[in-house]
Amino acid sequence: MEPGGDDPSNKKKRRYPSLFDLVRFAFFSGLTFLAAWMAGIGRAAYVLVMLVIAAALAYAVLDLVDYEIVKRRRRG
């Protein structure tokens, strides 16, 4: 049986988010919330706001892909 995520002896190998990661998450969450709020106010900013939201989602996908690539490299 391979040690899994619930194995207490595997704690040393886990990566916990740093303060920078948490601040970056809070910033992009706030930016997305601001963009959604602005989109609700008027039509003029709608296209720009949707581009900001699309960029935030694209960044999240790229970050997840990078995380998976790094995780696989560390295993092998």
PDB file of N, CA and C in Angstrom:
ATOM      1  N   MET A   1       0.839  -1.178   0.000  1.00  0.00           N
ATOM      2  CA  MET A   1       0.000   0.000   0.000  1.00  0.00           C
ATOM      3  C   MET A   1       0.887   1.245   0.000  1.00  0.00           C
ATOM      4  N   GLU A   2       0.630   2.148  -0.947  1.00  0.00           N
ATOM      5  CA  GLU A   2       1.420   3.376  -1.033  1.00  0.00           C
ATOM      6  C   GLU A   2       0.898   4.409  -0.048  1.00  0.00           C
ATOM      7  N   PRO A   3       1.796   5.212   0.498  1.00  0.00           N
ATOM      8  CA  PRO A   3       1.322   6.255   1.419  1.00  0.00           C
ATOM      9  C   PRO A   3       0.494   7.284   0.670  1.00  0.00           C
ATOM     10  N   GLY A   4      -0.665   7.587   1.188  1.00  0.00           N
ATOM     11  CA  GLY A   4      -1.557   8.537   0.542  1.00  0.00           C
ATOM     12  C   GLY A   4      -1.559   9.873   1.253  1.00  0.00           C
ATOM     13  N   GLY A   5      -2.538  10.694   0.915  1.00  0.00           N
ATOM     14  CA  GLY A   5      -2.638  12.012   1.506  1.00  0.00           C
ATOM     15  C   GLY A   5      -3.031  11.984   2.961  1.00  0.00           C
ATOM     16  N   ASP A   6      -3.673  10.901   3.409  1.00  0.00           N
ATOM     17  CA  ASP A   6      -4.105  10.815   4.792  1.00  0.00           C
ATOM     18  C   ASP A   6      -3.039  10.224   5.708  1.00  0.00           C
ATOM     19  N   ASP A   7      -1.960   9.770   5.138  1.00  0.00           N
ATOM     20  CA  ASP A   7      -0.901   9.145   5.922  1.00  0.00           C
ATOM     21  C   ASP A   7      -0.139  10.210   6.713  1.00  0.00           C
ATOM     22  N   PRO A   8      -0.095  10.115   8.060  1.00  0.00           N
ATOM     23  CA  PRO A   8       0.589  11.143   8.847  1.00  0.00           C
ATOM     24  C   PRO A   8       2.097  11.187   8.607  1.00  0.00           C
ATOM     25  N   SER A   9       2.691  10.108   8.132  1.00  0.00           N
ATOM     26  CA  SER A   9       4.134  10.116   7.886  1.00  0.00           C
ATOM     27  C   SER A   9       4.480  10.857   6.607  1.00  0.00           C
ATOM     28  N   ASN A  10       3.476  11.236   5.842  1.00  0.00           N
ATOM     29  CA  ASN A  10       3.691  11.913   4.566  1.00  0.00           C
ATOM     30  C   ASN A  10       3.623  13.433   4.713  1.00  0.00           C
ATOM     31  N   LYS A  11       3.580  13.966   5.940  1.00  0.00           N
ATOM     32  CA  LYS A  11       3.421  15.400   6.160  1.00  0.00           C
ATOM     33  C   LYS A  11       4.598  16.210   5.630  1.00  0.00           C
ATOM     34  N   LYS A  12       5.787  15.662   5.671  1.00  0.00           N
ATOM     35  CA  LYS A  12       6.964  16.412   5.244  1.00  0.00           C
ATOM     36  C   LYS A  12       6.950  16.705   3.757  1.00  0.00           C
ATOM     37  N   LYS A  13       6.249  15.930   2.972  1.00  0.00           N
ATOM     38  CA  LYS A  13       6.246  16.092   1.526  1.00  0.00           C
ATOM     39  C   LYS A  13       5.159  17.042   1.044  1.00  0.00           C
ATOM     40  N   ARG A  14       4.248  17.448   1.918  1.00  0.00           N
ATOM     41  CA  ARG A  14       3.159  18.332   1.517  1.00  0.00           C
ATOM     42  C   ARG A  14       3.664  19.751   1.359  1.00  0.00           C
ATOM     43  N   ARG A  15       3.063  20.456   0.392  1.00  0.00           N
ATOM     44  CA  ARG A  15       3.390  21.861   0.188  1.00  0.00           C
ATOM     45  C   ARG A  15       2.196  22.688   0.630  1.00  0.00           C
ATOM     46  N   TYR A  16       2.413  23.528   1.632  1.00  0.00           N
ATOM     47  CA  TYR A  16       1.355  24.396   2.107  1.00  0.00           C
ATOM     48  C   TYR A  16       1.491  25.760   1.427  1.00  0.00           C
ATOM     49  N   PRO A  17       0.371  26.440   1.202  1.00  0.00           N
ATOM     50  CA  PRO A  17       0.454  27.745   0.539  1.00  0.00           C
ATOM     51  C   PRO A  17       1.225  28.754   1.396  1.00  0.00           C
ATOM     52  N   SER A  18       2.018  29.544   0.732  1.00  0.00           N
ATOM     53  CA  SER A  18       2.768  30.575   1.434  1.00  0.00           C
ATOM     54  C   SER A  18       1.894  31.815   1.591  1.00  0.00           C
ATOM     55  N   LEU A  19       2.386  32.774   2.315  1.00  0.00           N
ATOM     56  CA  LEU A  19       1.662  34.029   2.498  1.00  0.00           C
ATOM     57  C   LEU A  19       1.486  34.734   1.155  1.00  0.00           C
ATOM     58  N   PHE A  20       2.500  34.647   0.299  1.00  0.00           N
ATOM     59  CA  PHE A  20       2.417  35.253  -1.032  1.00  0.00           C
ATOM     60  C   PHE A  20       1.281  34.620  -1.839  1.00  0.00           C
ATOM     61  N   ASP A  21       1.146  33.296  -1.782  1.00  0.00           N
ATOM     62  CA  ASP A  21       0.075  32.612  -2.494  1.00  0.00           C
ATOM     63  C   ASP A  21      -1.296  33.066  -1.995  1.00  0.00           C
ATOM     64  N   LEU A  22      -1.432  33.217  -0.683  1.00  0.00           N
ATOM     65  CA  LEU A  22      -2.706  33.648  -0.116  1.00  0.00           C
ATOM     66  C   LEU A  22      -3.034  35.089  -0.503  1.00  0.00           C
ATOM     67  N   VAL A  23      -2.025  35.955  -0.497  1.00  0.00           N
ATOM     68  CA  VAL A  23      -2.242  37.349  -0.896  1.00  0.00           C
ATOM     69  C   VAL A  23      -2.607  37.422  -2.369  1.00  0.00           C
ATOM     70  N   ARG A  24      -1.934  36.642  -3.186  1.00  0.00           N
ATOM     71  CA  ARG A  24      -2.234  36.626  -4.625  1.00  0.00           C
ATOM     72  C   ARG A  24      -3.647  36.124  -4.873  1.00  0.00           C
ATOM     73  N   PHE A  25      -4.070  35.096  -4.153  1.00  0.00           N
ATOM     74  CA  PHE A  25      -5.430  34.588  -4.289  1.00  0.00           C
ATOM     75  C   PHE A  25      -6.451  35.654  -3.888  1.00  0.00           C
ATOM     76  N   ALA A  26      -6.199  36.333  -2.768  1.00  0.00           N
ATOM     77  CA  ALA A  26      -7.119  37.375  -2.310  1.00  0.00           C
ATOM     78  C   ALA A  26      -7.191  38.521  -3.315  1.00  0.00           C
ATOM     79  N   PHE A  27      -6.051  38.891  -3.895  1.00  0.00           N
ATOM     80  CA  PHE A  27      -6.029  39.973  -4.882  1.00  0.00           C
ATOM     81  C   PHE A  27      -6.848  39.614  -6.116  1.00  0.00           C
ATOM     82  N   PHE A  28      -6.624  38.422  -6.662  1.00  0.00           N
ATOM     83  CA  PHE A  28      -7.349  38.039  -7.869  1.00  0.00           C
ATOM     84  C   PHE A  28      -8.828  37.783  -7.586  1.00  0.00           C
ATOM     85  N   SER A  29      -9.158  37.322  -6.397  1.00  0.00           N
ATOM     86  CA  SER A  29     -10.565  37.174  -6.024  1.00  0.00           C
ATOM     87  C   SER A  29     -11.234  38.541  -5.957  1.00  0.00           C
ATOM     88  N   GLY A  30     -10.560  39.491  -5.341  1.00  0.00           N
ATOM     89  CA  GLY A  30     -11.093  40.852  -5.267  1.00  0.00           C
ATOM     90  C   GLY A  30     -11.224  41.491  -6.630  1.00  0.00           C
ATOM     91  N   LEU A  31     -10.241  41.251  -7.496  1.00  0.00           N
ATOM     92  CA  LEU A  31     -10.304  41.790  -8.854  1.00  0.00           C
ATOM     93  C   LEU A  31     -11.478  41.205  -9.627  1.00  0.00           C
ATOM     94  N   THR A  32     -11.714  39.920  -9.473  1.00  0.00           N
ATOM     95  CA  THR A  32     -12.851  39.285 -10.138  1.00  0.00           C
ATOM     96  C   THR A  32     -14.173  39.817  -9.586  1.00  0.00           C
ATOM     97  N   PHE A  33     -14.249  39.985  -8.265  1.00  0.00           N
ATOM     98  CA  PHE A  33     -15.461  40.542  -7.666  1.00  0.00           C
ATOM     99  C   PHE A  33     -15.698  41.968  -8.148  1.00  0.00           C
ATOM    100  N   LEU A  34     -14.648  42.780  -8.210  1.00  0.00           N
ATOM    101  CA  LEU A  34     -14.764  44.155  -8.699  1.00  0.00           C
ATOM    102  C   LEU A  34     -15.224  44.177 -10.155  1.00  0.00           C
ATOM    103  N   ALA A  35     -14.669  43.292 -10.956  1.00  0.00           N
ATOM    104  CA  ALA A  35     -15.050  43.236 -12.360  1.00  0.00           C
ATOM    105  C   ALA A  35     -16.517  42.849 -12.512  1.00  0.00           C
ATOM    106  N   ALA A  36     -16.968  41.895 -11.731  1.00  0.00           N
ATOM    107  CA  ALA A  36     -18.372  41.495 -11.798  1.00  0.00           C
ATOM    108  C   ALA A  36     -19.289  42.623 -11.326  1.00  0.00           C
ATOM    109  N   TRP A  37     -18.862  43.350 -10.297  1.00  0.00           N
ATOM    110  CA  TRP A  37     -19.662  44.468  -9.801  1.00  0.00           C
ATOM    111  C   TRP A  37     -19.750  45.575 -10.854  1.00  0.00           C
ATOM    112  N   MET A  38     -18.617  45.863 -11.505  1.00  0.00           N
ATOM    113  CA  MET A  38     -18.617  46.893 -12.544  1.00  0.00           C
ATOM    114  C   MET A  38     -19.475  46.483 -13.730  1.00  0.00           C
ATOM    115  N   ALA A  39     -19.484  45.198 -14.045  1.00  0.00           N
ATOM    116  CA  ALA A  39     -20.286  44.727 -15.169  1.00  0.00           C
ATOM    117  C   ALA A  39     -21.768  44.925 -14.894  1.00  0.00           C
ATOM    118  N   GLY A  40     -22.153  44.854 -13.646  1.00  0.00           N
ATOM    119  CA  GLY A  40     -23.548  45.057 -13.297  1.00  0.00           C
ATOM    120  C   GLY A  40     -23.974  46.510 -13.347  1.00  0.00           C
ATOM    121  N   ILE A  41     -23.018  47.436 -13.329  1.00  0.00           N
ATOM    122  CA  ILE A  41     -23.342  48.866 -13.282  1.00  0.00           C
ATOM    123  C   ILE A  41     -23.740  49.400 -14.655  1.00  0.00           C
ATOM    124  N   GLY A  42     -22.997  49.093 -15.684  1.00  0.00           N
ATOM    125  CA  GLY A  42     -23.289  49.684 -16.985  1.00  0.00           C
ATOM    126  C   GLY A  42     -22.800  48.848 -18.138  1.00  0.00           C
ATOM    127  N   ARG A  43     -23.292  49.206 -19.325  1.00  0.00           N
ATOM    128  CA  ARG A  43     -22.930  48.451 -20.523  1.00  0.00           C
ATOM    129  C   ARG A  43     -21.567  48.823 -21.068  1.00  0.00           C
ATOM    130  N   ALA A  44     -21.116  50.037 -20.842  1.00  0.00           N
ATOM    131  CA  ALA A  44     -19.878  50.519 -21.468  1.00  0.00           C
ATOM    132  C   ALA A  44     -18.668  49.701 -21.025  1.00  0.00           C
ATOM    133  N   ALA A  45     -18.643  49.338 -19.754  1.00  0.00           N
ATOM    134  CA  ALA A  45     -17.488  48.608 -19.234  1.00  0.00           C
ATOM    135  C   ALA A  45     -17.668  47.099 -19.335  1.00  0.00           C
ATOM    136  N   TYR A  46     -18.784  46.652 -19.863  1.00  0.00           N
ATOM    137  CA  TYR A  46     -19.095  45.227 -19.859  1.00  0.00           C
ATOM    138  C   TYR A  46     -18.038  44.393 -20.593  1.00  0.00           C
ATOM    139  N   VAL A  47     -17.658  44.810 -21.793  1.00  0.00           N
ATOM    140  CA  VAL A  47     -16.694  44.039 -22.583  1.00  0.00           C
ATOM    141  C   VAL A  47     -15.342  43.999 -21.879  1.00  0.00           C
ATOM    142  N   LEU A  48     -14.900  45.127 -21.373  1.00  0.00           N
ATOM    143  CA  LEU A  48     -13.617  45.165 -20.669  1.00  0.00           C
ATOM    144  C   LEU A  48     -13.645  44.287 -19.429  1.00  0.00           C
ATOM    145  N   VAL A  49     -14.738  44.335 -18.703  1.00  0.00           N
ATOM    146  CA  VAL A  49     -14.870  43.530 -17.491  1.00  0.00           C
ATOM    147  C   VAL A  49     -14.879  42.047 -17.831  1.00  0.00           C
ATOM    148  N   MET A  50     -15.566  41.671 -18.873  1.00  0.00           N
ATOM    149  CA  MET A  50     -15.589  40.265 -19.269  1.00  0.00           C
ATOM    150  C   MET A  50     -14.203  39.798 -19.700  1.00  0.00           C
ATOM    151  N   LEU A  51     -13.417  40.667 -20.318  1.00  0.00           N
ATOM    152  CA  LEU A  51     -12.045  40.312 -20.673  1.00  0.00           C
ATOM    153  C   LEU A  51     -11.189  40.108 -19.417  1.00  0.00           C
ATOM    154  N   VAL A  52     -11.400  40.930 -18.397  1.00  0.00           N
ATOM    155  CA  VAL A  52     -10.656  40.771 -17.144  1.00  0.00           C
ATOM    156  C   VAL A  52     -11.033  39.455 -16.483  1.00  0.00           C
ATOM    157  N   ILE A  53     -12.327  39.138 -16.472  1.00  0.00           N
ATOM    158  CA  ILE A  53     -12.763  37.873 -15.875  1.00  0.00           C
ATOM    159  C   ILE A  53     -12.216  36.688 -16.664  1.00  0.00           C
ATOM    160  N   ALA A  54     -12.240  36.779 -17.992  1.00  0.00           N
ATOM    161  CA  ALA A  54     -11.686  35.704 -18.816  1.00  0.00           C
ATOM    162  C   ALA A  54     -10.193  35.534 -18.559  1.00  0.00           C
ATOM    163  N   ALA A  55      -9.479  36.635 -18.391  1.00  0.00           N
ATOM    164  CA  ALA A  55      -8.042  36.554 -18.102  1.00  0.00           C
ATOM    165  C   ALA A  55      -7.804  35.909 -16.741  1.00  0.00           C
ATOM    166  N   ALA A  56      -8.635  36.234 -15.756  1.00  0.00           N
ATOM    167  CA  ALA A  56      -8.485  35.621 -14.433  1.00  0.00           C
ATOM    168  C   ALA A  56      -8.751  34.119 -14.499  1.00  0.00           C
ATOM    169  N   LEU A  57      -9.747  33.721 -15.257  1.00  0.00           N
ATOM    170  CA  LEU A  57     -10.037  32.291 -15.396  1.00  0.00           C
ATOM    171  C   LEU A  57      -8.918  31.572 -16.152  1.00  0.00           C
ATOM    172  N   ALA A  58      -8.392  32.213 -17.191  1.00  0.00           N
ATOM    173  CA  ALA A  58      -7.285  31.615 -17.944  1.00  0.00           C
ATOM    174  C   ALA A  58      -6.056  31.458 -17.044  1.00  0.00           C
ATOM    175  N   TYR A  59      -5.802  32.458 -16.207  1.00  0.00           N
ATOM    176  CA  TYR A  59      -4.678  32.366 -15.273  1.00  0.00           C
ATOM    177  C   TYR A  59      -4.880  31.211 -14.297  1.00  0.00           C
ATOM    178  N   ALA A  60      -6.102  31.042 -13.820  1.00  0.00           N
ATOM    179  CA  ALA A  60      -6.383  29.950 -12.884  1.00  0.00           C
ATOM    180  C   ALA A  60      -6.147  28.593 -13.535  1.00  0.00           C
ATOM    181  N   VAL A  61      -6.556  28.458 -14.791  1.00  0.00           N
ATOM    182  CA  VAL A  61      -6.350  27.189 -15.503  1.00  0.00           C
ATOM    183  C   VAL A  61      -4.861  26.939 -15.713  1.00  0.00           C
ATOM    184  N   LEU A  62      -4.122  27.955 -16.137  1.00  0.00           N
ATOM    185  CA  LEU A  62      -2.680  27.783 -16.339  1.00  0.00           C
ATOM    186  C   LEU A  62      -1.965  27.466 -15.029  1.00  0.00           C
ATOM    187  N   ASP A  63      -2.394  28.080 -13.947  1.00  0.00           N
ATOM    188  CA  ASP A  63      -1.797  27.797 -12.642  1.00  0.00           C
ATOM    189  C   ASP A  63      -2.058  26.350 -12.230  1.00  0.00           C
ATOM    190  N   LEU A  64      -3.268  25.863 -12.487  1.00  0.00           N
ATOM    191  CA  LEU A  64      -3.594  24.479 -12.157  1.00  0.00           C
ATOM    192  C   LEU A  64      -2.783  23.500 -13.001  1.00  0.00           C
ATOM    193  N   VAL A  65      -2.627  23.789 -14.284  1.00  0.00           N
ATOM    194  CA  VAL A  65      -1.834  22.920 -15.157  1.00  0.00           C
ATOM    195  C   VAL A  65      -0.382  22.905 -14.695  1.00  0.00           C
ATOM    196  N   ASP A  66       0.154  24.073 -14.344  1.00  0.00           N
ATOM    197  CA  ASP A  66       1.526  24.139 -13.857  1.00  0.00           C
ATOM    198  C   ASP A  66       1.677  23.344 -12.559  1.00  0.00           C
ATOM    199  N   TYR A  67       0.692  23.432 -11.684  1.00  0.00           N
ATOM    200  CA  TYR A  67       0.722  22.680 -10.427  1.00  0.00           C
ATOM    201  C   TYR A  67       0.773  21.181 -10.699  1.00  0.00           C
ATOM    202  N   GLU A  68      -0.037  20.717 -11.652  1.00  0.00           N
ATOM    203  CA  GLU A  68      -0.053  19.285 -11.974  1.00  0.00           C
ATOM    204  C   GLU A  68       1.264  18.842 -12.599  1.00  0.00           C
ATOM    205  N   ILE A  69       1.859  19.676 -13.438  1.00  0.00           N
ATOM    206  CA  ILE A  69       3.141  19.337 -14.063  1.00  0.00           C
ATOM    207  C   ILE A  69       4.231  19.230 -12.995  1.00  0.00           C
ATOM    208  N   VAL A  70       4.274  20.193 -12.091  1.00  0.00           N
ATOM    209  CA  VAL A  70       5.284  20.168 -11.024  1.00  0.00           C
ATOM    210  C   VAL A  70       5.072  18.958 -10.130  1.00  0.00           C
ATOM    211  N   LYS A  71       3.824  18.625  -9.833  1.00  0.00           N
ATOM    212  CA  LYS A  71       3.522  17.476  -8.980  1.00  0.00           C
ATOM    213  C   LYS A  71       3.996  16.180  -9.636  1.00  0.00           C
ATOM    214  N   ARG A  72       3.807  16.040 -10.928  1.00  0.00           N
ATOM    215  CA  ARG A  72       4.264  14.834 -11.616  1.00  0.00           C
ATOM    216  C   ARG A  72       5.774  14.743 -11.683  1.00  0.00           C
ATOM    217  N   ARG A  73       6.434  15.889 -11.870  1.00  0.00           N
ATOM    218  CA  ARG A  73       7.903  15.882 -11.918  1.00  0.00           C
ATOM    219  C   ARG A  73       8.505  15.496 -10.579  1.00  0.00           C
ATOM    220  N   ARG A  74       7.867  15.913  -9.485  1.00  0.00           N
ATOM    221  CA  ARG A  74       8.387  15.582  -8.155  1.00  0.00           C
ATOM    222  C   ARG A  74       8.220  14.114  -7.839  1.00  0.00           C
ATOM    223  N   ARG A  75       7.166  13.497  -8.386  1.00  0.00           N
ATOM    224  CA  ARG A  75       6.951  12.057  -8.160  1.00  0.00           C
ATOM    225  C   ARG A  75       7.978  11.220  -8.906  1.00  0.00           C
ATOM    226  N   GLY A  76       8.287  11.619 -10.133  1.00  0.00           N
ATOM    227  CA  GLY A  76       9.105  10.776 -10.990  1.00  0.00           C
ATOM    228  C   GLY A  76      10.526  11.103 -11.047  1.00  0.00           C
TER     229      GLY A  76
END
